[in-house]
Amino acid sequence: MPLGSDTGIFLRKMAASITVIDTHVDDSMGICLSKEEESNLKAGIQKFYKIKEKDTSKPFKVLGILVTRDTHRGMLKLSQAEYINSILQQLEMANCNPVVMPTDKGSHLHKGKTVTYKNKKQFQALTGSLTSAAMSAQPDIGYITQFLSQTNKRPSQRDWNAVKRVLCYLKGT
């Protein structure tokens, strides 16, 4: 059954298990709780489609996100390092100093007068890129990215500096 909030994600709940399938054009990924459930899912899909499986013991990419599994430690790591590095390169920030927090402690972005940032399109493109990163593999920047996106119509220099700080934070993650 498709998930109500995203028609590309399918969810199957049973008494003691749950299966999630994420689809995008001709690519999909499934998550199952047991090997038996995984085998049943594959058999059901193979009735209708040819399946080409990735070797998930090695790192692989799904929609630009690097997925690394460590089954011995029970870890799944999602990384968008290439995507983040490409943004840093575009803005000539590849050598920026990393910071440990995406925002300055006690910063008040909407208080006081400030100069309007001149390149509104660049600001909008960057907040869009950060939103994409926040939604897929960097939920830790979700709040500040959403907050800064509210200023897309008329960003200030202070907002631009805050966006650059988020990039410095991402450099360190």
Protein backbone atom coordinates (compact mmCIF):
# COMPACT_ATOMS: atom_id res chain seq x y z
CA MET A 1 0.00 0.00 0.00
CA PRO A 2 1.45 3.43 -0.91
CA LEU A 3 2.34 5.72 1.96
CA GLY A 4 -0.14 8.60 2.14
CA SER A 5 2.54 11.29 2.33
CA ASP A 6 4.77 9.86 -0.44
CA THR A 7 3.38 7.74 -3.26
CA GLY A 8 6.87 6.41 -4.09
CA ILE A 9 7.09 4.59 -0.77
CA PHE A 10 5.17 1.40 -0.15
CA LEU A 11 4.53 -0.05 3.28
CA ARG A 12 3.35 -3.54 4.22
CA LYS A 13 2.54 -4.24 7.85
CA MET A 14 1.91 -7.74 9.08
CA ALA A 15 1.50 -9.16 12.58
CA ALA A 16 5.21 -9.48 13.37
CA SER A 17 6.89 -7.68 10.50
CA ILE A 18 7.05 -4.58 8.39
CA THR A 19 8.39 -4.10 4.87
CA VAL A 20 9.21 -0.75 3.30
CA ILE A 21 9.95 -0.24 -0.40
CA ASP A 22 11.19 3.07 -1.78
CA THR A 23 10.84 3.50 -5.55
CA HIS A 24 12.11 6.15 -7.95
CA VAL A 25 11.68 5.72 -11.72
CA ASP A 26 13.59 2.46 -12.36
CA ASP A 27 15.35 2.20 -9.01
CA SER A 28 14.05 0.88 -5.73
CA MET A 29 15.23 -0.18 -2.31
CA GLY A 30 13.54 -2.43 0.20
CA ILE A 31 13.92 -2.83 3.93
CA CYS A 32 12.77 -6.03 5.62
CA LEU A 33 13.11 -7.37 9.14
CA SER A 34 14.07 -10.92 8.17
CA LYS A 35 15.76 -12.89 5.37
CA GLU A 36 12.53 -14.85 4.86
CA GLU A 37 10.55 -11.66 4.38
CA GLU A 38 13.22 -10.41 1.94
CA SER A 39 13.01 -13.65 -0.08
CA ASN A 40 9.21 -13.41 -0.26
CA LEU A 41 9.41 -9.76 -1.37
CA LYS A 42 11.93 -10.55 -4.12
CA ALA A 43 9.90 -13.54 -5.35
CA GLY A 44 6.77 -11.39 -5.53
CA ILE A 45 8.48 -8.61 -7.50
CA GLN A 46 10.23 -11.08 -9.84
CA LYS A 47 6.84 -12.32 -11.00
CA PHE A 48 6.44 -8.98 -12.79
CA TYR A 49 9.89 -7.40 -13.15
CA LYS A 50 13.50 -8.35 -13.75
CA ILE A 51 15.56 -7.50 -10.68
CA LYS A 52 19.20 -6.43 -10.73
CA GLU A 53 20.53 -6.50 -7.18
CA LYS A 54 23.41 -4.45 -5.85
CA ASP A 55 26.07 -5.99 -3.65
CA THR A 56 25.13 -4.28 -0.39
CA SER A 57 28.19 -5.61 1.41
CA LYS A 58 30.10 -2.82 -0.38
CA PRO A 59 29.16 0.89 -0.37
CA PHE A 60 26.63 1.80 -3.10
CA LYS A 61 24.69 4.85 -4.23
CA VAL A 62 20.95 5.40 -4.28
CA LEU A 63 19.77 8.74 -5.70
CA GLY A 64 23.20 10.26 -5.09
CA ILE A 65 23.35 9.12 -1.47
CA LEU A 66 26.23 6.82 -0.56
CA VAL A 67 24.93 3.92 1.53
CA THR A 68 27.38 1.94 3.65
CA ARG A 69 26.28 -1.09 5.64
CA ASP A 70 28.13 -2.69 8.53
CA THR A 71 26.09 -5.79 9.35
CA HIS A 72 28.46 -6.86 12.13
CA ARG A 73 27.84 -3.63 14.06
CA GLY A 74 24.23 -3.23 12.85
CA MET A 75 24.94 0.15 11.22
CA LEU A 76 23.65 1.85 8.11
CA LYS A 77 25.43 5.07 7.12
CA LEU A 78 24.03 7.58 4.63
CA SER A 79 26.43 10.14 3.17
CA GLN A 80 26.09 13.01 0.75
CA ALA A 81 29.74 14.06 0.88
CA GLU A 82 30.00 14.41 -2.93
CA TYR A 83 26.87 16.56 -3.09
CA ILE A 84 28.01 18.77 -0.22
CA ASN A 85 31.52 19.07 -1.66
CA SER A 86 30.09 20.13 -5.03
CA ILE A 87 28.12 22.93 -3.32
CA LEU A 88 31.25 24.01 -1.43
CA GLN A 89 33.23 24.02 -4.71
CA GLN A 90 30.60 26.15 -6.49
CA LEU A 91 30.78 28.76 -3.75
CA GLU A 92 34.58 28.55 -3.49
CA MET A 93 34.23 27.33 0.10
CA ALA A 94 35.99 23.97 -0.27
CA ASN A 95 38.71 25.11 2.13
CA CYS A 96 36.38 26.65 4.71
CA ASN A 97 36.93 25.91 8.38
CA PRO A 98 34.45 23.34 9.71
CA VAL A 99 32.26 24.29 12.68
CA VAL A 100 30.53 21.97 15.18
CA MET A 101 27.08 23.61 15.14
CA PRO A 102 25.04 24.75 12.12
CA THR A 103 24.08 28.01 13.88
CA ASP A 104 25.82 30.47 16.16
CA LYS A 105 24.76 30.10 19.77
CA GLY A 106 22.40 32.94 20.61
CA SER A 107 22.22 34.30 17.06
CA HIS A 108 19.08 36.28 16.29
CA LEU A 109 18.63 36.20 12.54
CA HIS A 110 15.54 38.42 12.40
CA LYS A 111 16.47 41.01 15.01
CA GLY A 112 17.77 44.44 14.11
CA LYS A 113 18.38 46.11 10.79
CA THR A 114 20.53 44.45 8.18
CA VAL A 115 21.65 44.94 4.58
CA THR A 116 19.73 43.10 1.86
CA TYR A 117 21.75 40.35 0.18
CA LYS A 118 22.14 41.26 -3.50
CA ASN A 119 22.06 37.80 -5.12
CA LYS A 120 18.59 36.52 -4.24
CA LYS A 121 18.68 33.72 -6.87
CA GLN A 122 21.93 32.34 -5.45
CA PHE A 123 20.46 32.40 -1.94
CA GLN A 124 17.30 30.61 -3.11
CA ALA A 125 19.30 27.97 -4.99
CA LEU A 126 21.46 27.34 -1.96
CA THR A 127 18.55 27.05 0.49
CA GLY A 128 16.96 24.61 -1.99
CA SER A 129 20.15 22.53 -2.07
CA LEU A 130 20.32 22.54 1.72
CA THR A 131 16.66 21.52 1.95
CA SER A 132 17.40 18.56 -0.33
CA ALA A 133 20.33 17.54 1.88
CA ALA A 134 18.23 17.97 5.04
CA MET A 135 15.42 15.79 3.72
CA SER A 136 17.59 12.92 2.55
CA ALA A 137 20.61 12.48 4.77
CA GLN A 138 21.18 15.54 6.99
CA PRO A 139 18.13 15.97 9.24
CA ASP A 140 20.32 17.88 11.70
CA ILE A 141 20.16 20.97 9.45
CA GLY A 142 16.41 20.74 8.89
CA TYR A 143 15.36 23.45 11.33
CA ILE A 144 17.86 26.12 10.32
CA THR A 145 17.35 25.36 6.61
CA GLN A 146 13.57 25.72 6.94
CA PHE A 147 14.04 28.89 8.96
CA LEU A 148 16.38 30.44 6.36
CA SER A 149 14.09 29.39 3.50
CA GLN A 150 11.44 31.70 4.96
CA THR A 151 13.66 34.62 3.92
CA ASN A 152 13.95 33.51 0.27
CA LYS A 153 11.86 36.45 -0.92
CA ARG A 154 14.16 39.06 0.63
CA PRO A 155 17.33 37.55 2.12
CA SER A 156 19.65 39.71 4.17
CA GLN A 157 23.42 39.63 4.41
CA ARG A 158 22.93 38.12 7.88
CA ASP A 159 20.86 35.30 6.31
CA TRP A 160 23.58 34.71 3.71
CA ASN A 161 26.21 34.47 6.45
CA ALA A 162 23.98 31.97 8.29
CA VAL A 163 23.67 29.83 5.14
CA LYS A 164 27.44 29.87 4.75
CA ARG A 165 27.79 28.75 8.36
CA VAL A 166 25.52 25.77 7.64
CA LEU A 167 27.90 24.88 4.80
CA CYS A 168 30.88 25.12 7.17
CA TYR A 169 29.01 22.77 9.50
CA LEU A 170 28.35 20.31 6.66
CA LYS A 171 32.04 20.42 5.74
CA GLY A 172 32.78 18.96 9.16
CA THR A 173 30.16 16.20 9.09
